[in-house]
Amino acid sequence: MPVLAKGKTRTGRLWTYVRDDRPFGGHDPPAAVFFYSPDRGGKHPEQHLASYAGLMQADAYAGFDRLYRPGRKPGPIIEAACWAHARRYFFELARLDKAPIAIEAVKRIDALFAIEREINGIALQERLRVRSAQSRPLVVALEAWLREQRAKLSGQSKVAKAIAYSLTRWVALTRFLDDGRLCMSNNAAEREIRPLVMGRHNWTFAGSNRGGQRAAAIYTLVQTAKLNDIDPQTWLADVLARLQDHPAKRINELLPWNWNSERHQKAAA
């Protein structure tokens, strides 16, 4: 995001982390949290995730690499790579250069995404069953085909580089086959960033680093409300009106998913 500096603007960064269990029928409410930093250094996600260990689906940003180290404390973060990013390399070559190998790669990856659309929102074990029966054979065939095509190409060709992007991340790309909680892509996070990309054409820039931090807090509130099918303005207006007199030990009652449940209970009464 542009941040005002002396006589110019510089580039600050907003990071987002999203939890959304709905694709596998999970019951925990969805949420998004945003953080601001003045640069794109890998130290920032290390700080954001200092107490976290477990799965993380993300793009191939090199700054995440230290998070995946086996000796990391409190434990390693397990990388799940994004098929949408892998597909994008082939899609650009298919669209611009009409490269036959890229066109075929997009077709094969799209077949996997088609299966995912059919199992979106169903129980975890059923997702695994369908993936084992339908997706795994396609993934095995795709890997063999990609390796065969790469052997025929110059290592410096654009198509060879697109293939290498996928093959060097194959373990992380195929992790979704063995864990029903995972999606094929991190599009959930990409969707939460989209309002920022659109909004900055209206507000132009943040006035300072502190302004960037405030923007991150506001995006956290607004996007989490939207993920829970709540109008952000209605929720924030009600919460701000009640906050002064609300017991601090019951602040969780004002979180979007609890607030929405309370409204439904009052409406039904």
Protein backbone atom coordinates (compact mmCIF):
# COMPACT_ATOMS: atom_id res chain seq x y z
CA MET A 1 0.00 0.00 0.00
CA PRO A 2 1.31 3.55 -0.74
CA VAL A 3 2.43 5.38 2.41
CA LEU A 4 3.06 9.11 2.51
CA ALA A 5 6.71 10.11 2.82
CA LYS A 6 8.49 13.44 2.47
CA GLY A 7 7.58 14.77 -0.97
CA LYS A 8 6.54 11.34 -2.24
CA THR A 9 4.97 8.01 -1.32
CA ARG A 10 6.75 4.75 -0.54
CA THR A 11 5.47 1.19 -0.54
CA GLY A 12 4.26 -0.33 2.72
CA ARG A 13 2.88 -3.86 3.03
CA LEU A 14 -0.31 -5.38 4.34
CA TRP A 15 -0.22 -9.07 5.25
CA THR A 16 -3.36 -11.13 5.71
CA TYR A 17 -3.93 -14.50 7.39
CA VAL A 18 -7.28 -16.19 6.90
CA ARG A 19 -9.02 -19.04 8.67
CA ASP A 20 -11.96 -20.48 6.77
CA ASP A 21 -13.05 -24.02 7.61
CA ARG A 22 -16.23 -23.93 5.53
CA PRO A 23 -14.76 -25.80 2.53
CA PHE A 24 -14.47 -28.97 4.65
CA GLY A 25 -17.62 -28.42 6.70
CA GLY A 26 -15.74 -27.17 9.78
CA HIS A 27 -17.62 -25.39 12.55
CA ASP A 28 -15.10 -22.74 13.60
CA PRO A 29 -16.12 -19.28 12.32
CA PRO A 30 -14.09 -17.71 9.51
CA ALA A 31 -11.81 -14.78 10.27
CA ALA A 32 -9.16 -12.64 8.63
CA VAL A 33 -6.42 -10.66 10.34
CA PHE A 34 -4.27 -7.99 8.69
CA PHE A 35 -0.86 -6.65 9.72
CA TYR A 36 1.02 -3.67 8.36
CA SER A 37 4.78 -3.44 7.88
CA PRO A 38 6.93 -0.76 6.23
CA ASP A 39 8.71 -3.35 4.07
CA ARG A 40 8.38 -6.92 2.77
CA GLY A 41 11.06 -8.54 4.94
CA GLY A 42 10.67 -12.13 6.06
CA LYS A 43 11.03 -11.06 9.69
CA HIS A 44 7.45 -9.80 9.65
CA PRO A 45 5.65 -13.12 9.03
CA GLU A 46 8.04 -14.67 11.55
CA GLN A 47 6.76 -12.18 14.14
CA HIS A 48 3.12 -12.59 13.09
CA LEU A 49 3.30 -16.38 13.41
CA ALA A 50 5.77 -16.62 16.30
CA SER A 51 3.43 -18.78 18.41
CA TYR A 52 1.93 -20.81 15.56
CA ALA A 53 2.78 -24.28 14.29
CA GLY A 54 0.78 -26.27 11.76
CA LEU A 55 -0.44 -25.97 8.21
CA MET A 56 -0.15 -22.79 6.17
CA GLN A 57 -1.24 -22.39 2.57
CA ALA A 58 0.58 -19.55 0.86
CA ASP A 59 2.34 -18.42 -2.27
CA ALA A 60 6.01 -19.17 -2.87
CA TYR A 61 7.35 -16.00 -1.23
CA ALA A 62 10.94 -16.73 -0.15
CA GLY A 63 10.42 -14.84 3.11
CA PHE A 64 8.29 -17.72 4.37
CA ASP A 65 11.11 -20.27 4.01
CA ARG A 66 12.38 -19.96 7.59
CA LEU A 67 8.89 -20.76 8.86
CA TYR A 68 9.12 -24.20 7.24
CA ARG A 69 12.42 -25.24 8.86
CA PRO A 70 12.15 -28.49 10.88
CA GLY A 71 13.89 -27.05 13.94
CA ARG A 72 11.66 -24.01 14.23
CA LYS A 73 10.11 -23.25 17.63
CA PRO A 74 7.39 -23.84 18.78
CA GLY A 75 7.28 -26.19 15.81
CA PRO A 76 7.53 -26.15 12.03
CA ILE A 77 4.88 -24.63 9.85
CA ILE A 78 3.92 -27.14 7.17
CA GLU A 79 3.82 -25.62 3.71
CA ALA A 80 0.85 -26.22 1.44
CA ALA A 81 1.52 -24.63 -1.93
CA CYS A 82 -1.04 -22.90 -4.12
CA TRP A 83 -2.18 -24.46 -7.39
CA ALA A 84 -3.65 -21.14 -8.56
CA HIS A 85 -0.16 -19.64 -8.56
CA ALA A 86 1.27 -22.68 -10.38
CA ARG A 87 -1.54 -22.49 -12.94
CA ARG A 88 -0.95 -18.78 -13.51
CA TYR A 89 2.49 -19.39 -15.00
CA PHE A 90 1.02 -21.78 -17.56
CA PHE A 91 -2.06 -19.65 -18.17
CA GLU A 92 -0.03 -16.61 -19.18
CA LEU A 93 1.97 -18.69 -21.66
CA ALA A 94 -1.20 -20.30 -23.01
CA ARG A 95 -2.93 -16.93 -23.40
CA LEU A 96 -0.06 -14.87 -24.79
CA ASP A 97 2.13 -17.42 -26.60
CA LYS A 98 -0.44 -20.13 -27.37
CA ALA A 99 2.15 -22.64 -26.13
CA PRO A 100 0.69 -26.16 -26.60
CA ILE A 101 2.32 -27.59 -23.47
CA ALA A 102 1.03 -24.67 -21.39
CA ILE A 103 -2.47 -25.08 -22.83
CA GLU A 104 -2.46 -28.76 -21.92
CA ALA A 105 -1.13 -28.03 -18.42
CA VAL A 106 -3.94 -25.54 -17.79
CA LYS A 107 -6.48 -28.09 -19.02
CA ARG A 108 -5.15 -30.75 -16.63
CA ILE A 109 -5.02 -28.39 -13.64
CA ASP A 110 -8.54 -27.16 -14.39
CA ALA A 111 -9.77 -30.75 -14.23
CA LEU A 112 -8.49 -30.89 -10.64
CA PHE A 113 -10.20 -27.63 -9.75
CA ALA A 114 -13.45 -28.97 -11.22
CA ILE A 115 -13.32 -31.88 -8.76
CA GLU A 116 -12.70 -29.42 -5.91
CA ARG A 117 -15.80 -27.43 -6.80
CA GLU A 118 -17.89 -30.58 -6.47
CA ILE A 119 -16.60 -31.35 -2.96
CA ASN A 120 -16.57 -27.84 -1.57
CA GLY A 121 -18.35 -27.72 1.78
CA ILE A 122 -18.67 -31.45 2.35
CA ALA A 123 -17.24 -33.45 5.25
CA LEU A 124 -13.50 -33.89 5.54
CA GLN A 125 -13.45 -37.68 5.13
CA GLU A 126 -15.66 -37.53 2.04
CA ARG A 127 -13.33 -34.95 0.51
CA LEU A 128 -10.43 -37.31 1.08
CA ARG A 129 -12.34 -40.23 -0.44
CA VAL A 130 -13.16 -38.30 -3.61
CA ARG A 131 -9.64 -36.96 -3.90
CA SER A 132 -8.17 -40.43 -3.53
CA ALA A 133 -10.47 -41.86 -6.19
CA GLN A 134 -10.51 -38.97 -8.67
CA SER A 135 -7.81 -36.37 -8.01
CA ARG A 136 -4.82 -38.54 -7.10
CA PRO A 137 -4.69 -40.43 -10.43
CA LEU A 138 -4.82 -37.09 -12.29
CA VAL A 139 -2.03 -35.65 -10.13
CA VAL A 140 0.18 -38.71 -10.65
CA ALA A 141 -0.36 -38.51 -14.40
CA LEU A 142 0.27 -34.76 -14.40
CA GLU A 143 3.61 -35.13 -12.63
CA ALA A 144 4.78 -37.81 -15.05
CA TRP A 145 3.65 -35.71 -18.02
CA LEU A 146 5.37 -32.55 -16.72
CA ARG A 147 8.65 -34.39 -16.20
CA GLU A 148 8.41 -35.86 -19.68
CA GLN A 149 7.81 -32.44 -21.23
CA ARG A 150 10.59 -30.77 -19.27
CA ALA A 151 13.09 -33.33 -20.54
CA LYS A 152 12.33 -32.17 -24.10
CA LEU A 153 12.79 -28.44 -23.42
CA SER A 154 15.66 -26.04 -22.97
CA GLY A 155 16.00 -25.18 -19.30
CA GLN A 156 15.85 -21.50 -20.21
CA SER A 157 12.53 -21.67 -22.04
CA LYS A 158 9.50 -20.02 -20.47
CA VAL A 159 7.54 -23.27 -20.45
CA ALA A 160 10.41 -25.14 -18.78
CA LYS A 161 10.54 -22.48 -16.06
CA ALA A 162 6.78 -22.78 -15.51
CA ILE A 163 7.16 -26.55 -15.19
CA ALA A 164 10.09 -26.15 -12.80
CA TYR A 165 8.03 -23.85 -10.57
CA SER A 166 5.52 -26.66 -10.04
CA LEU A 167 7.91 -29.60 -9.81
CA THR A 168 10.19 -27.96 -7.26
CA ARG A 169 7.11 -27.49 -5.04
CA TRP A 170 5.44 -30.79 -5.81
CA VAL A 171 5.34 -32.13 -2.25
CA ALA A 172 3.72 -28.91 -1.02
CA LEU A 173 1.36 -28.75 -4.01
CA THR A 174 0.12 -32.30 -3.50
CA ARG A 175 -0.32 -32.08 0.27
CA PHE A 176 -4.05 -31.41 -0.23
CA LEU A 177 -4.49 -35.03 -1.36
CA ASP A 178 -3.79 -36.31 2.16
CA ASP A 179 -5.44 -33.62 4.26
CA GLY A 180 -9.10 -32.82 3.73
CA ARG A 181 -8.75 -29.48 5.55
CA LEU A 182 -6.66 -28.08 2.72
CA CYS A 183 -7.91 -26.43 -0.44
CA MET A 184 -5.98 -26.50 -3.68
CA SER A 185 -5.24 -22.78 -3.51
CA ASN A 186 -4.93 -19.89 -1.09
CA ASN A 187 -7.63 -17.96 -2.93
CA ALA A 188 -9.33 -17.35 0.43
CA ALA A 189 -6.49 -14.99 1.32
CA GLU A 190 -6.39 -13.52 -2.18
CA ARG A 191 -10.09 -12.61 -1.90
CA GLU A 192 -9.48 -10.74 1.37
CA ILE A 193 -6.74 -8.65 -0.24
CA ARG A 194 -8.93 -7.63 -3.19
CA PRO A 195 -10.81 -4.82 -1.36
CA LEU A 196 -7.45 -3.28 -0.49
CA VAL A 197 -6.41 -3.29 -4.14
CA MET A 198 -9.70 -1.70 -5.16
CA GLY A 199 -9.92 0.67 -2.20
CA ARG A 200 -6.54 2.31 -2.56
CA HIS A 201 -7.75 3.92 -5.80
CA ASN A 202 -10.18 5.85 -3.59
CA TRP A 203 -8.11 6.66 -0.50
CA THR A 204 -4.82 6.89 -2.48
CA PHE A 205 -2.33 6.35 0.39
CA ALA A 206 -1.87 5.91 4.13
CA GLY A 207 -0.58 9.04 5.88
CA SER A 208 2.12 7.27 7.92
CA ASN A 209 3.22 3.92 9.31
CA ARG A 210 0.72 4.44 12.13
CA GLY A 211 -1.92 5.03 9.49
CA GLY A 212 -0.97 1.72 7.86
CA GLN A 213 -1.39 -0.02 11.22
CA ARG A 214 -4.82 1.55 11.65
CA ALA A 215 -5.79 0.47 8.15
CA ALA A 216 -4.77 -3.11 9.00
CA ALA A 217 -6.97 -3.02 12.11
CA ILE A 218 -9.94 -1.67 10.16
CA TYR A 219 -9.54 -4.24 7.39
CA THR A 220 -9.39 -6.97 10.05
CA LEU A 221 -12.74 -5.88 11.47
CA VAL A 222 -14.50 -5.25 8.17
CA GLN A 223 -13.33 -8.36 6.32
CA THR A 224 -14.01 -10.67 9.27
CA ALA A 225 -17.54 -9.28 9.52
CA LYS A 226 -18.08 -9.89 5.81
CA LEU A 227 -16.74 -13.43 6.07
CA ASN A 228 -19.46 -14.08 8.65
CA ASP A 229 -22.18 -12.63 6.38
CA ILE A 230 -22.57 -9.55 8.57
CA ASP A 231 -22.89 -5.98 7.35
CA PRO A 232 -19.74 -4.32 8.79
CA GLN A 233 -21.36 -0.93 9.31
CA THR A 234 -24.32 -2.38 11.24
CA TRP A 235 -22.05 -4.52 13.42
CA LEU A 236 -19.52 -1.78 14.16
CA ALA A 237 -22.23 0.79 14.93
CA ASP A 238 -23.84 -1.57 17.42
CA VAL A 239 -20.56 -2.68 19.01
CA LEU A 240 -19.22 0.87 19.41
CA ALA A 241 -22.50 1.95 21.02
CA ARG A 242 -22.34 -0.92 23.52
CA LEU A 243 -18.61 -1.13 24.11
CA GLN A 244 -18.35 1.48 26.89
CA ASP A 245 -20.75 -0.38 29.18
CA HIS A 246 -19.95 -3.94 28.10
CA PRO A 247 -18.04 -6.08 30.67
CA ALA A 248 -14.46 -6.58 29.57
CA LYS A 249 -14.52 -10.25 30.54
CA ARG A 250 -17.41 -10.79 28.10
CA ILE A 251 -15.86 -8.93 25.18
CA ASN A 252 -15.97 -12.13 23.14
CA GLU A 253 -19.75 -11.70 22.96
CA LEU A 254 -19.18 -8.83 20.54
CA LEU A 255 -17.09 -10.83 18.08
CA PRO A 256 -18.91 -11.08 14.73
CA TRP A 257 -19.91 -14.74 14.99
CA ASN A 258 -21.21 -14.39 18.56
CA TRP A 259 -22.91 -11.07 17.82
CA ASN A 260 -24.71 -12.58 14.83
CA SER A 261 -25.87 -15.55 16.89
CA GLU A 262 -27.22 -13.19 19.59
CA ARG A 263 -29.21 -11.23 16.99
CA HIS A 264 -30.73 -14.41 15.57
CA GLN A 265 -31.74 -15.55 19.08
CA LYS A 266 -33.41 -12.19 19.80
CA ALA A 267 -35.23 -12.28 16.47
CA ALA A 268 -36.54 -15.76 17.21
CA ALA A 269 -37.69 -14.86 20.74
